[in-house]
N, C-alpha and C. Protein backbone atom coordinates (compact mmCIF):
# COMPACT_ATOMS: atom_id res chain seq x y z
N MET A 1 -20.08 -46.26 -12.89
CA MET A 1 -20.71 -45.90 -14.06
C MET A 1 -19.87 -45.06 -14.62
N PRO A 2 -19.81 -45.06 -16.18
CA PRO A 2 -19.35 -44.21 -17.23
C PRO A 2 -20.24 -43.06 -16.90
N SER A 3 -19.75 -41.75 -16.97
CA SER A 3 -20.23 -40.72 -17.52
C SER A 3 -20.47 -40.69 -18.93
N VAL A 4 -22.06 -40.14 -19.43
CA VAL A 4 -22.53 -40.02 -20.56
C VAL A 4 -21.64 -39.03 -21.15
N PRO A 5 -21.08 -39.15 -22.27
CA PRO A 5 -20.54 -38.24 -23.14
C PRO A 5 -21.23 -36.69 -23.15
N PRO A 6 -20.57 -35.73 -22.78
CA PRO A 6 -21.41 -34.26 -23.03
C PRO A 6 -21.87 -34.20 -24.27
N LEU A 7 -23.06 -34.09 -24.77
CA LEU A 7 -23.93 -34.06 -25.90
C LEU A 7 -25.22 -33.80 -25.77
N SER A 8 -25.94 -32.64 -26.72
CA SER A 8 -27.10 -32.40 -26.25
C SER A 8 -27.96 -33.30 -26.69
N ASP A 9 -29.20 -33.05 -25.94
CA ASP A 9 -30.43 -34.23 -26.49
C ASP A 9 -30.60 -34.20 -28.05
N LEU A 10 -30.50 -32.96 -28.38
CA LEU A 10 -30.87 -32.63 -29.80
C LEU A 10 -29.77 -33.28 -31.01
N ARG A 11 -28.84 -33.09 -30.34
CA ARG A 11 -27.51 -33.59 -31.25
C ARG A 11 -27.51 -35.10 -31.24
N LEU A 12 -27.80 -35.75 -30.12
CA LEU A 12 -28.09 -37.37 -29.92
C LEU A 12 -29.13 -37.74 -30.80
N ALA A 13 -30.13 -36.98 -30.52
CA ALA A 13 -31.61 -37.55 -31.35
C ALA A 13 -31.05 -37.44 -33.14
N ARG A 14 -30.25 -36.34 -33.22
CA ARG A 14 -29.87 -36.23 -34.74
C ARG A 14 -29.20 -37.14 -35.44
N LEU A 15 -28.14 -37.50 -34.52
CA LEU A 15 -27.24 -38.75 -34.94
C LEU A 15 -28.07 -40.12 -35.11
N VAL A 16 -28.97 -40.27 -34.08
CA VAL A 16 -29.87 -41.18 -34.13
C VAL A 16 -30.59 -41.55 -35.25
N GLY A 17 -31.22 -40.37 -35.58
CA GLY A 17 -32.02 -40.35 -36.87
C GLY A 17 -31.09 -40.54 -38.17
N LEU A 18 -29.92 -40.17 -38.07
CA LEU A 18 -29.25 -40.10 -39.18
C LEU A 18 -28.77 -41.71 -39.37
N ARG A 19 -28.39 -42.48 -38.31
CA ARG A 19 -28.11 -43.73 -38.27
C ARG A 19 -29.52 -44.64 -39.10
N LEU A 20 -30.57 -44.27 -38.54
CA LEU A 20 -31.79 -44.81 -39.00
C LEU A 20 -31.96 -44.60 -40.32
N CYS A 21 -31.74 -43.41 -40.65
CA CYS A 21 -31.92 -43.39 -42.32
C CYS A 21 -31.29 -43.97 -43.05
N HIS A 22 -29.90 -44.15 -42.47
CA HIS A 22 -28.73 -44.89 -43.46
C HIS A 22 -29.00 -46.31 -43.49
N ASP A 23 -29.62 -46.77 -42.29
CA ASP A 23 -30.07 -48.28 -42.28
C ASP A 23 -31.23 -48.52 -43.28
N ILE A 24 -32.02 -47.87 -43.48
CA ILE A 24 -33.38 -47.93 -44.03
C ILE A 24 -33.29 -47.41 -45.70
N SER A 25 -32.26 -46.70 -45.77
CA SER A 25 -32.50 -46.17 -47.35
C SER A 25 -32.25 -46.95 -48.29
N GLY A 26 -30.96 -47.69 -48.08
CA GLY A 26 -31.14 -48.78 -49.11
C GLY A 26 -32.04 -49.62 -49.44
N VAL A 27 -32.74 -50.26 -48.54
CA VAL A 27 -33.93 -51.09 -48.55
C VAL A 27 -35.09 -50.36 -49.15
N ALA A 28 -35.18 -48.98 -48.73
CA ALA A 28 -36.22 -48.61 -49.40
C ALA A 28 -36.00 -48.09 -50.95
N GLY A 29 -34.55 -47.76 -51.38
CA GLY A 29 -34.58 -47.59 -52.64
C GLY A 29 -34.72 -48.76 -53.40
N THR A 30 -34.30 -50.06 -52.84
CA THR A 30 -34.76 -51.49 -53.44
C THR A 30 -35.99 -51.61 -53.55
N VAL A 31 -36.73 -51.17 -52.61
CA VAL A 31 -38.41 -51.51 -52.95
C VAL A 31 -38.97 -50.69 -54.15
N GLY A 32 -38.33 -49.31 -54.21
CA GLY A 32 -38.79 -48.48 -55.32
C GLY A 32 -38.52 -48.88 -56.56
N ASN A 33 -36.97 -49.35 -56.88
CA ASN A 33 -36.60 -49.46 -57.86
C ASN A 33 -37.39 -50.90 -58.55
N ALA A 34 -37.59 -51.86 -57.64
CA ALA A 34 -38.37 -53.19 -57.87
C ALA A 34 -40.00 -52.64 -58.29
N LEU A 35 -40.39 -51.76 -57.59
CA LEU A 35 -41.91 -51.61 -58.04
C LEU A 35 -41.96 -51.08 -59.51
N GLU A 36 -40.86 -50.14 -60.05
CA GLU A 36 -40.74 -49.70 -61.17
C GLU A 36 -40.16 -50.79 -62.24
N LEU A 37 -39.92 -51.91 -61.70
CA LEU A 37 -39.65 -52.92 -62.76
C LEU A 37 -40.55 -54.03 -62.96
N LEU A 38 -41.95 -53.62 -62.03
CA LEU A 38 -42.73 -55.13 -62.03
C LEU A 38 -43.43 -55.28 -63.62
N ASP A 39 -44.04 -53.86 -64.27
CA ASP A 39 -44.47 -54.42 -65.39
C ASP A 39 -43.62 -55.13 -66.36
N GLY A 40 -42.42 -54.90 -66.35
CA GLY A 40 -41.30 -55.45 -67.30
C GLY A 40 -40.52 -56.62 -66.69
N ALA A 41 -40.65 -56.98 -65.57
CA ALA A 41 -40.07 -58.10 -65.13
C ALA A 41 -40.90 -59.13 -64.36
N GLY A 42 -42.12 -58.94 -64.25
CA GLY A 42 -43.28 -59.64 -63.77
C GLY A 42 -42.80 -60.27 -62.13
N SER A 43 -42.84 -61.53 -61.99
CA SER A 43 -43.27 -61.94 -60.81
C SER A 43 -41.53 -61.82 -60.04
N GLU A 44 -40.58 -61.79 -60.85
CA GLU A 44 -39.00 -61.67 -60.14
C GLU A 44 -39.20 -60.36 -59.26
N ALA A 45 -39.56 -59.17 -60.13
CA ALA A 45 -39.50 -58.00 -59.25
C ALA A 45 -40.20 -57.83 -58.40
N ALA A 46 -41.41 -58.52 -58.60
CA ALA A 46 -42.51 -58.27 -57.25
C ALA A 46 -41.88 -59.27 -56.09
N ASP A 47 -41.40 -60.31 -56.61
CA ASP A 47 -40.77 -61.04 -55.24
C ASP A 47 -39.58 -60.27 -54.52
N LEU A 48 -38.89 -59.65 -55.33
CA LEU A 48 -37.37 -58.64 -55.05
C LEU A 48 -38.37 -57.54 -54.11
N ALA A 49 -39.32 -56.89 -54.47
CA ALA A 49 -39.86 -55.93 -53.97
C ALA A 49 -40.40 -56.43 -52.21
N VAL A 50 -41.17 -57.59 -52.47
CA VAL A 50 -41.80 -58.35 -51.36
C VAL A 50 -40.54 -58.31 -50.14
N ASP A 51 -39.60 -59.07 -50.64
CA ASP A 51 -38.28 -59.37 -49.92
C ASP A 51 -37.84 -58.07 -49.20
N ALA A 52 -37.57 -57.24 -50.17
CA ALA A 52 -37.07 -55.87 -49.53
C ALA A 52 -38.16 -55.15 -48.52
N ALA A 53 -39.31 -55.11 -48.76
CA ALA A 53 -40.31 -54.61 -47.76
C ALA A 53 -40.37 -55.58 -46.32
N ALA A 54 -40.04 -56.56 -46.36
CA ALA A 54 -40.13 -57.58 -45.10
C ALA A 54 -38.81 -57.07 -44.60
N VAL A 55 -37.63 -56.82 -45.01
CA VAL A 55 -36.46 -56.22 -44.64
C VAL A 55 -36.69 -55.06 -43.91
N LEU A 56 -37.14 -54.02 -44.68
CA LEU A 56 -37.38 -53.00 -44.19
C LEU A 56 -38.30 -52.83 -42.99
N ARG A 57 -39.32 -53.61 -43.01
CA ARG A 57 -40.18 -53.69 -41.73
C ARG A 57 -39.59 -54.14 -40.43
N ARG A 58 -38.66 -55.21 -40.73
CA ARG A 58 -37.74 -55.77 -39.57
C ARG A 58 -36.96 -54.80 -39.05
N ARG A 59 -36.04 -54.03 -39.96
CA ARG A 59 -35.31 -52.74 -39.51
C ARG A 59 -36.14 -51.68 -38.91
N LEU A 60 -37.22 -51.43 -39.00
CA LEU A 60 -38.04 -50.66 -38.42
C LEU A 60 -38.47 -51.01 -37.00
N LEU A 61 -38.81 -52.18 -36.77
CA LEU A 61 -39.16 -52.84 -35.38
C LEU A 61 -37.81 -52.89 -34.87
N LEU A 62 -37.04 -53.07 -35.50
CA LEU A 62 -35.39 -53.00 -34.45
C LEU A 62 -35.16 -51.89 -33.99
N TRP A 63 -35.29 -50.72 -34.88
CA TRP A 63 -35.09 -49.54 -34.36
C TRP A 63 -35.90 -48.84 -33.42
N ARG A 64 -37.15 -49.34 -33.45
CA ARG A 64 -38.40 -48.86 -32.61
C ARG A 64 -37.94 -49.28 -31.26
N ALA A 65 -37.38 -50.78 -31.16
CA ALA A 65 -36.89 -51.45 -29.68
C ALA A 65 -35.79 -50.62 -29.50
N LEU A 66 -34.72 -50.20 -30.29
CA LEU A 66 -33.75 -49.58 -29.84
C LEU A 66 -33.60 -48.02 -29.40
N LEU A 67 -34.86 -47.60 -29.39
CA LEU A 67 -35.48 -46.34 -29.33
C LEU A 67 -36.14 -46.30 -28.11
N GLY A 68 -36.43 -47.59 -27.32
CA GLY A 68 -37.18 -47.75 -26.20
C GLY A 68 -38.61 -47.89 -26.60
N GLY A 69 -38.95 -48.15 -27.81
CA GLY A 69 -40.36 -48.57 -27.75
C GLY A 69 -40.71 -50.22 -27.68
N GLN A 70 -39.93 -51.15 -27.24
CA GLN A 70 -40.40 -52.35 -27.32
C GLN A 70 -41.40 -52.82 -25.87
N GLY A 71 -40.99 -52.16 -25.06
CA GLY A 71 -41.49 -52.36 -23.66
C GLY A 71 -40.77 -53.95 -23.03
N GLU A 72 -41.36 -54.32 -21.81
CA GLU A 72 -41.22 -55.51 -21.42
C GLU A 72 -41.01 -56.86 -22.26
N SER A 73 -40.07 -57.63 -22.69
CA SER A 73 -40.22 -58.50 -23.61
C SER A 73 -39.08 -59.80 -23.15
N ALA A 74 -39.61 -60.82 -23.69
CA ALA A 74 -38.75 -62.06 -23.56
C ALA A 74 -37.64 -61.85 -24.16
N LEU A 75 -36.65 -62.82 -23.88
CA LEU A 75 -34.98 -62.61 -24.47
C LEU A 75 -35.21 -63.03 -25.83
N GLY A 76 -35.82 -64.05 -25.94
CA GLY A 76 -36.15 -64.73 -27.39
C GLY A 76 -36.40 -63.61 -28.39
N THR A 77 -37.38 -62.82 -27.87
CA THR A 77 -38.32 -61.92 -28.71
C THR A 77 -37.06 -60.60 -29.20
N VAL A 78 -36.53 -60.28 -27.99
CA VAL A 78 -35.54 -59.41 -28.12
C VAL A 78 -34.34 -59.36 -29.27
N LEU A 79 -33.80 -60.79 -28.90
CA LEU A 79 -32.77 -61.30 -29.75
C LEU A 79 -33.27 -61.45 -31.15
N GLY A 80 -34.51 -61.71 -31.52
CA GLY A 80 -35.13 -62.05 -32.82
C GLY A 80 -35.06 -60.84 -33.51
N LEU A 81 -35.13 -59.59 -32.73
CA LEU A 81 -35.56 -58.47 -33.42
C LEU A 81 -34.13 -58.27 -34.22
N ALA A 82 -33.00 -58.58 -33.86
CA ALA A 82 -31.61 -58.51 -34.36
C ALA A 82 -31.21 -59.56 -35.47
N THR A 83 -32.07 -60.46 -35.63
CA THR A 83 -31.84 -61.26 -36.75
C THR A 83 -31.58 -60.60 -38.06
N GLY A 84 -30.57 -61.04 -38.77
CA GLY A 84 -30.06 -60.65 -39.91
C GLY A 84 -29.48 -59.32 -40.18
N GLU A 85 -29.51 -58.80 -38.99
CA GLU A 85 -28.86 -57.15 -38.80
C GLU A 85 -27.51 -57.13 -38.23
N ILE A 86 -27.07 -58.34 -37.28
CA ILE A 86 -25.81 -58.07 -36.82
C ILE A 86 -24.62 -58.47 -37.74
N ALA A 87 -23.79 -57.37 -37.98
CA ALA A 87 -22.66 -57.28 -38.74
C ALA A 87 -23.30 -57.58 -40.38
N GLY A 88 -24.29 -56.68 -40.53
CA GLY A 88 -24.97 -56.85 -41.73
C GLY A 88 -25.17 -58.17 -42.16
N GLY A 89 -25.63 -59.07 -41.27
CA GLY A 89 -26.02 -60.39 -41.60
C GLY A 89 -25.13 -61.35 -41.64
N ARG A 90 -23.72 -61.02 -41.31
CA ARG A 90 -22.45 -61.77 -41.31
C ARG A 90 -22.23 -62.46 -39.93
N ALA A 91 -23.02 -61.96 -38.85
CA ALA A 91 -22.88 -62.64 -37.63
C ALA A 91 -24.37 -63.15 -36.95
N SER A 92 -24.40 -63.74 -35.98
CA SER A 92 -25.64 -64.21 -35.46
C SER A 92 -25.56 -64.14 -33.89
N ALA A 93 -26.45 -64.16 -33.17
CA ALA A 93 -26.62 -63.90 -31.54
C ALA A 93 -26.72 -65.54 -31.21
N ASP A 94 -25.96 -65.79 -30.14
CA ASP A 94 -26.17 -67.03 -29.70
C ASP A 94 -26.41 -66.94 -28.04
N ALA A 95 -27.52 -67.42 -27.70
CA ALA A 95 -28.07 -67.24 -26.30
C ALA A 95 -28.69 -68.53 -25.82
N ALA A 96 -27.87 -69.58 -26.36
CA ALA A 96 -28.21 -71.04 -26.21
C ALA A 96 -28.37 -71.34 -24.70
N ALA A 97 -27.56 -70.57 -24.01
CA ALA A 97 -27.27 -71.08 -22.62
C ALA A 97 -28.14 -70.44 -21.45
N LEU A 98 -29.06 -69.46 -22.22
CA LEU A 98 -30.39 -68.64 -21.68
C LEU A 98 -31.70 -69.08 -21.68
N ASP A 99 -32.58 -68.97 -21.07
CA ASP A 99 -33.98 -69.26 -21.28
C ASP A 99 -34.45 -68.35 -22.13
N ALA A 100 -34.79 -68.40 -23.35
CA ALA A 100 -35.41 -67.52 -24.29
C ALA A 100 -36.60 -66.80 -23.77
N GLY A 101 -37.42 -67.48 -22.79
CA GLY A 101 -38.61 -67.07 -22.17
C GLY A 101 -38.34 -66.12 -21.01
N ILE A 102 -37.39 -65.71 -20.54
CA ILE A 102 -36.84 -65.16 -19.36
C ILE A 102 -37.29 -63.43 -20.08
N MET A 103 -37.95 -62.76 -19.26
CA MET A 103 -38.43 -61.21 -19.43
C MET A 103 -37.24 -60.53 -19.04
N VAL A 104 -36.92 -59.51 -20.15
CA VAL A 104 -36.11 -58.39 -20.25
C VAL A 104 -36.87 -56.86 -19.81
N ALA A 105 -36.49 -56.16 -18.76
CA ALA A 105 -37.18 -55.10 -18.34
C ALA A 105 -37.11 -54.14 -19.73
N GLU A 106 -37.93 -53.47 -19.49
CA GLU A 106 -38.10 -52.27 -20.64
C GLU A 106 -37.18 -51.30 -21.09
N GLU A 107 -36.73 -51.07 -19.90
CA GLU A 107 -35.19 -50.17 -19.58
C GLU A 107 -33.93 -50.99 -20.25
N VAL A 108 -33.98 -52.22 -20.22
CA VAL A 108 -32.75 -52.83 -20.31
C VAL A 108 -32.95 -53.02 -21.84
N VAL A 109 -33.89 -53.27 -22.50
CA VAL A 109 -34.36 -53.80 -24.01
C VAL A 109 -33.24 -53.00 -24.96
N PRO A 110 -33.43 -51.55 -25.19
CA PRO A 110 -32.62 -50.83 -26.02
C PRO A 110 -31.16 -51.12 -25.49
N VAL A 111 -30.68 -51.21 -24.51
CA VAL A 111 -28.98 -51.33 -23.82
C VAL A 111 -28.66 -52.55 -24.30
N LEU A 112 -29.41 -53.67 -24.26
CA LEU A 112 -29.04 -54.85 -24.84
C LEU A 112 -29.02 -55.28 -26.26
N LEU A 113 -30.02 -54.59 -26.70
CA LEU A 113 -29.87 -54.89 -28.31
C LEU A 113 -28.85 -53.87 -28.76
N THR A 114 -28.59 -52.49 -28.31
CA THR A 114 -27.23 -51.93 -28.82
C THR A 114 -26.20 -52.50 -28.49
N ALA A 115 -26.08 -53.02 -27.40
CA ALA A 115 -24.61 -54.11 -27.24
C ALA A 115 -24.57 -54.99 -28.07
N VAL A 116 -25.63 -55.89 -28.45
CA VAL A 116 -25.47 -56.95 -29.71
C VAL A 116 -25.17 -56.28 -30.86
N LEU A 117 -25.67 -55.13 -31.51
CA LEU A 117 -25.34 -54.42 -32.50
C LEU A 117 -23.92 -54.16 -32.75
N LEU A 118 -23.43 -53.84 -31.61
CA LEU A 118 -22.01 -53.08 -31.49
C LEU A 118 -21.26 -54.10 -31.26
N ALA A 119 -21.52 -55.28 -30.85
CA ALA A 119 -20.68 -56.48 -30.84
C ALA A 119 -20.50 -57.10 -32.20
N GLY A 120 -21.60 -56.88 -33.06
CA GLY A 120 -21.35 -57.12 -34.54
C GLY A 120 -20.78 -56.21 -35.37
N GLU A 121 -20.67 -55.09 -34.66
CA GLU A 121 -19.42 -53.88 -35.60
C GLU A 121 -18.11 -54.40 -35.09
N ALA A 122 -17.91 -55.29 -34.02
CA ALA A 122 -16.76 -55.63 -33.53
C ALA A 122 -15.99 -56.85 -34.32
N LEU A 123 -17.16 -57.31 -35.49
CA LEU A 123 -16.82 -58.49 -36.04
C LEU A 123 -16.73 -58.45 -37.70
N PRO A 124 -15.71 -57.63 -37.96
CA PRO A 124 -15.63 -57.18 -39.38
C PRO A 124 -15.78 -58.35 -40.44
N ARG A 125 -15.46 -59.56 -39.95
CA ARG A 125 -15.35 -60.56 -40.63
C ARG A 125 -16.55 -61.75 -40.59
N GLY A 126 -17.30 -61.21 -39.63
CA GLY A 126 -18.45 -62.11 -39.18
C GLY A 126 -17.93 -62.99 -37.95
N GLY A 127 -19.22 -63.45 -37.48
CA GLY A 127 -18.68 -64.61 -36.15
C GLY A 127 -19.86 -64.92 -35.20
N VAL A 128 -19.90 -64.80 -34.24
CA VAL A 128 -21.04 -65.05 -33.45
C VAL A 128 -21.05 -64.08 -32.27
N VAL A 129 -21.94 -63.76 -31.75
CA VAL A 129 -22.13 -62.74 -30.56
C VAL A 129 -22.68 -63.57 -29.30
N ARG A 130 -21.81 -63.99 -28.37
CA ARG A 130 -22.39 -64.70 -27.40
C ARG A 130 -23.06 -64.37 -26.13
N LEU A 131 -24.10 -64.45 -25.67
CA LEU A 131 -24.85 -63.91 -24.55
C LEU A 131 -24.60 -64.98 -23.49
N VAL A 132 -24.35 -64.46 -22.16
CA VAL A 132 -24.24 -65.34 -21.17
C VAL A 132 -24.99 -64.35 -19.84
N GLY A 133 -25.51 -65.01 -18.59
CA GLY A 133 -25.51 -64.40 -17.78
C GLY A 133 -27.18 -64.38 -17.40
N ASP A 134 -27.25 -63.19 -16.69
CA ASP A 134 -28.96 -63.14 -16.01
C ASP A 134 -29.36 -61.63 -16.46
N PRO A 135 -30.64 -61.44 -17.34
CA PRO A 135 -30.94 -60.23 -17.69
C PRO A 135 -31.55 -59.25 -16.58
N HIS A 136 -31.90 -60.10 -15.56
CA HIS A 136 -32.14 -59.31 -14.32
C HIS A 136 -31.20 -58.85 -13.57
N ARG A 137 -29.54 -59.24 -13.40
CA ARG A 137 -28.43 -59.04 -12.59
C ARG A 137 -27.22 -58.52 -13.64
N GLU A 138 -26.47 -59.29 -14.34
CA GLU A 138 -25.70 -59.05 -15.28
C GLU A 138 -25.58 -59.77 -16.51
N MET A 139 -25.15 -59.26 -17.59
CA MET A 139 -25.39 -60.02 -18.87
C MET A 139 -23.79 -59.73 -19.17
N ALA A 140 -23.23 -60.59 -20.17
CA ALA A 140 -21.97 -60.69 -20.73
C ALA A 140 -22.17 -60.86 -22.40
N VAL A 141 -21.80 -59.79 -23.10
CA VAL A 141 -21.94 -59.58 -24.46
C VAL A 141 -20.66 -60.12 -25.08
N LEU A 142 -20.41 -61.09 -25.91
CA LEU A 142 -18.89 -61.40 -26.27
C LEU A 142 -19.11 -61.72 -27.68
N PRO A 143 -18.25 -60.88 -28.66
CA PRO A 143 -18.08 -61.14 -30.06
C PRO A 143 -16.98 -62.11 -30.39
N GLU A 144 -17.27 -63.09 -30.98
CA GLU A 144 -16.27 -64.23 -31.22
C GLU A 144 -16.08 -64.09 -32.86
N GLY A 145 -14.96 -63.93 -33.52
CA GLY A 145 -14.81 -64.16 -34.87
C GLY A 145 -13.35 -63.22 -35.20
N PRO A 146 -12.88 -63.88 -36.42
CA PRO A 146 -11.62 -63.42 -36.99
C PRO A 146 -11.53 -61.86 -36.52
N ARG A 147 -10.23 -61.34 -36.27
CA ARG A 147 -9.82 -59.92 -35.87
C ARG A 147 -11.03 -59.42 -35.24
N ALA A 148 -11.59 -60.21 -34.09
CA ALA A 148 -12.56 -59.29 -33.43
C ALA A 148 -11.90 -58.16 -32.57
N ALA A 149 -12.55 -56.95 -32.67
CA ALA A 149 -12.29 -55.85 -31.85
C ALA A 149 -13.26 -54.67 -31.73
N TRP A 150 -13.55 -54.51 -30.45
CA TRP A 150 -14.47 -53.50 -30.11
C TRP A 150 -14.28 -51.87 -30.55
N PRO A 151 -15.15 -51.41 -31.40
CA PRO A 151 -15.16 -50.06 -31.77
C PRO A 151 -14.52 -49.04 -30.78
N PRO A 152 -13.38 -48.36 -31.17
CA PRO A 152 -12.73 -47.38 -30.39
C PRO A 152 -13.53 -46.37 -29.71
N ALA A 153 -15.05 -46.19 -30.28
CA ALA A 153 -15.75 -45.38 -29.54
C ALA A 153 -16.65 -45.96 -28.50
N LEU A 154 -16.56 -47.27 -28.43
CA LEU A 154 -17.08 -47.88 -27.43
C LEU A 154 -16.19 -48.02 -26.07
N LEU A 155 -15.03 -48.20 -26.69
CA LEU A 155 -13.78 -48.22 -25.55
C LEU A 155 -14.08 -46.79 -24.75
N ARG A 156 -13.84 -45.79 -25.60
CA ARG A 156 -13.95 -44.52 -24.73
C ARG A 156 -15.39 -44.44 -23.99
N ALA A 157 -16.41 -44.54 -24.61
CA ALA A 157 -17.66 -44.45 -23.71
C ALA A 157 -17.80 -45.30 -22.54
N VAL A 158 -17.10 -46.50 -22.41
CA VAL A 158 -17.19 -47.55 -21.34
C VAL A 158 -16.17 -46.97 -20.34
N ALA A 159 -14.98 -46.16 -20.82
CA ALA A 159 -14.09 -45.49 -19.70
C ALA A 159 -14.51 -44.10 -19.30
N GLY A 160 -15.70 -43.69 -19.95
CA GLY A 160 -16.13 -42.29 -19.64
C GLY A 160 -15.11 -41.10 -20.02
N ALA A 161 -14.26 -41.70 -21.17
CA ALA A 161 -13.32 -40.64 -21.76
C ALA A 161 -14.09 -39.66 -22.73
N PRO A 162 -13.93 -38.76 -23.03
CA PRO A 162 -14.51 -37.57 -23.85
C PRO A 162 -14.50 -38.07 -25.44
N LEU A 163 -15.57 -37.92 -26.08
CA LEU A 163 -15.49 -38.23 -27.45
C LEU A 163 -15.46 -36.98 -28.11
N PRO A 164 -15.19 -37.23 -29.40
CA PRO A 164 -14.81 -35.86 -30.53
C PRO A 164 -16.02 -35.03 -30.41
N ASN A 165 -15.80 -33.80 -30.71
CA ASN A 165 -16.84 -33.06 -30.77
C ASN A 165 -17.57 -32.99 -31.81
N GLU A 166 -17.58 -33.66 -32.77
CA GLU A 166 -18.37 -34.08 -33.88
C GLU A 166 -18.49 -35.47 -34.23
N PRO A 167 -18.93 -36.18 -33.52
CA PRO A 167 -18.78 -37.71 -33.53
C PRO A 167 -19.66 -38.21 -35.07
N THR A 168 -19.14 -39.08 -35.51
CA THR A 168 -19.64 -39.57 -36.71
C THR A 168 -20.64 -40.38 -36.49
N GLY A 169 -21.44 -40.97 -37.66
CA GLY A 169 -22.66 -41.87 -37.71
C GLY A 169 -22.18 -43.25 -37.23
N ARG A 170 -20.68 -43.64 -37.53
CA ARG A 170 -20.62 -44.83 -37.06
C ARG A 170 -20.11 -45.06 -35.46
N GLU A 171 -20.09 -43.80 -34.94
CA GLU A 171 -19.86 -43.77 -33.65
C GLU A 171 -21.30 -43.65 -32.58
N VAL A 172 -22.61 -43.85 -33.39
CA VAL A 172 -23.72 -43.13 -32.82
C VAL A 172 -24.08 -44.36 -31.94
N LEU A 173 -23.79 -45.76 -32.37
CA LEU A 173 -24.31 -46.73 -31.51
C LEU A 173 -23.53 -46.54 -29.93
N SER A 174 -22.46 -46.35 -29.96
CA SER A 174 -21.68 -46.38 -28.80
C SER A 174 -22.41 -45.13 -27.81
N LEU A 175 -22.56 -44.02 -28.53
CA LEU A 175 -23.43 -42.96 -27.44
C LEU A 175 -24.67 -43.34 -27.07
N TRP A 176 -25.05 -44.10 -28.12
CA TRP A 176 -26.69 -44.48 -27.78
C TRP A 176 -26.60 -45.38 -26.61
N LEU A 177 -25.54 -46.57 -26.50
CA LEU A 177 -25.48 -47.48 -25.41
C LEU A 177 -25.37 -46.69 -24.03
N ALA A 178 -24.39 -45.81 -24.36
CA ALA A 178 -23.91 -44.94 -22.95
C ALA A 178 -25.03 -44.27 -22.50
N ALA A 179 -25.95 -43.76 -23.16
CA ALA A 179 -27.19 -42.67 -22.62
C ALA A 179 -28.36 -43.72 -22.07
N THR A 180 -28.69 -44.86 -22.81
CA THR A 180 -29.77 -45.68 -22.74
C THR A 180 -29.15 -46.49 -21.51
N ALA A 181 -27.98 -46.66 -20.98
CA ALA A 181 -27.46 -47.44 -20.03
C ALA A 181 -27.75 -46.71 -18.69
N ALA A 182 -27.22 -45.32 -18.82
CA ALA A 182 -27.35 -44.45 -17.70
C ALA A 182 -28.80 -44.05 -17.20
N ALA A 183 -29.69 -44.04 -18.39
CA ALA A 183 -31.15 -44.25 -18.23
C ALA A 183 -31.71 -45.29 -17.46
N GLY A 184 -31.37 -46.27 -17.85
CA GLY A 184 -31.66 -47.51 -17.32
C GLY A 184 -30.91 -48.01 -16.14
N SER A 185 -30.29 -47.35 -15.39
CA SER A 185 -29.25 -47.89 -14.28
C SER A 185 -28.73 -49.22 -14.84
N VAL A 186 -28.00 -49.16 -15.71
CA VAL A 186 -27.18 -50.11 -16.23
C VAL A 186 -25.67 -50.04 -16.15
N SER A 187 -24.97 -50.56 -15.31
CA SER A 187 -23.38 -50.08 -15.54
C SER A 187 -22.53 -51.00 -16.43
N LEU A 188 -22.10 -50.14 -17.48
CA LEU A 188 -21.12 -50.69 -18.46
C LEU A 188 -19.59 -50.93 -17.88
N SER A 189 -19.00 -52.29 -18.36
CA SER A 189 -17.42 -52.50 -18.37
C SER A 189 -17.20 -53.26 -19.47
N LEU A 190 -15.78 -53.48 -19.32
CA LEU A 190 -15.43 -54.38 -20.32
C LEU A 190 -14.25 -55.37 -19.47
N ALA A 191 -14.39 -56.80 -19.78
CA ALA A 191 -13.33 -57.50 -19.36
C ALA A 191 -12.52 -57.91 -20.43
N MET A 192 -11.16 -56.93 -20.36
CA MET A 192 -10.22 -56.92 -21.45
C MET A 192 -9.37 -58.39 -20.97
N PRO A 193 -9.17 -59.53 -21.84
CA PRO A 193 -8.07 -60.59 -21.93
C PRO A 193 -6.99 -59.73 -21.88
N PRO A 194 -5.81 -60.64 -21.16
CA PRO A 194 -4.35 -60.16 -21.50
C PRO A 194 -4.23 -60.58 -22.99
N GLY A 195 -3.21 -59.63 -23.49
CA GLY A 195 -2.69 -60.11 -24.85
C GLY A 195 -3.50 -59.65 -25.54
N GLU A 196 -3.80 -60.36 -26.85
CA GLU A 196 -4.74 -60.32 -27.87
C GLU A 196 -5.99 -60.54 -27.62
N GLY A 197 -6.81 -60.18 -28.09
CA GLY A 197 -8.14 -60.72 -27.92
C GLY A 197 -9.47 -59.69 -27.67
N CYS A 198 -10.57 -60.21 -27.51
CA CYS A 198 -11.72 -59.07 -27.62
C CYS A 198 -12.72 -59.65 -26.30
N GLY A 199 -12.35 -59.08 -25.29
CA GLY A 199 -13.15 -59.49 -23.90
C GLY A 199 -14.41 -59.07 -24.05
N PRO A 200 -15.52 -59.45 -23.15
CA PRO A 200 -16.96 -59.35 -23.27
C PRO A 200 -17.31 -57.91 -22.60
N LEU A 201 -18.11 -57.42 -22.89
CA LEU A 201 -18.97 -56.23 -22.42
C LEU A 201 -19.99 -56.75 -21.65
N LEU A 202 -19.82 -56.16 -20.33
CA LEU A 202 -20.66 -56.44 -19.15
C LEU A 202 -21.91 -55.46 -18.79
N LEU A 203 -22.74 -55.97 -18.69
CA LEU A 203 -24.09 -55.13 -18.46
C LEU A 203 -24.69 -55.37 -17.04
N SER A 204 -24.18 -54.67 -16.16
CA SER A 204 -24.75 -54.72 -14.71
C SER A 204 -25.87 -54.16 -14.68
N ILE A 205 -27.17 -54.87 -14.33
CA ILE A 205 -28.42 -54.10 -14.43
C ILE A 205 -28.87 -53.81 -12.75
N GLY A 206 -29.05 -52.43 -12.82
CA GLY A 206 -29.64 -52.10 -11.46
C GLY A 206 -28.50 -51.60 -10.63
N GLU A 207 -27.29 -51.16 -11.13
CA GLU A 207 -26.32 -50.81 -10.50
C GLU A 207 -25.86 -49.19 -11.12
C-alpha cells in the first residue's frame, strides 16, 4: 500500500475545505444573484434560484460523504451522490454490471466516491467512468473518453512518491484518496496498459 504523503492533518483539512468552498461558491453566488432579481424577473429568477439551491444541496451531500459522513450505503445510493458532479457534469458513472443494492462499507464510501471524481478529472472532454468488481473485495474504476489521463498527483500518490511541499487545490482529491484509503485499509494500484491509454484504478478492500 502506498504511504500517505507527509502532510499535517491541519494542512490536509485546510485543502479539503478550500476545495469544498471552491465547489459550492459558484452555486451560492447564483442563488444570491437570482434572489436579488426576484422582484424584477418574476418566476424565471425564482426557477433559477430553486435549481441552483438544489445543486448546492447535492454538492453538500456529496462532500459530506467524501468526508466520511455517509455511513454504510448501497452502491446505487453512493454513486447517485456524484450524479452531475463528475467532470463538471460532462461524464457519468456506469456500474451497470454491478448490483446497485450491494452495500458499501462506511470506510470505503469516501474512497470509492473520491476515486470516481478523480476519474472524472481524467476526462477533460467528458466520457464515462466505468466501475466493475466487488465493493467488499476489489473495485476497478476506469475513465473512458477522449484524451483520458489520470491526474499527475494521483500517479504520484499511488506510487507513494512525495508530493510538492505546497500542493494546489487541484491536487487535494488525490491526497484525500490516499489518506482515506490508508484509513480504510484500502490498497490503491494502477493497471497501466502498454502504450497509450488510461488504465483502471484498483481499490483492493481490506488490504
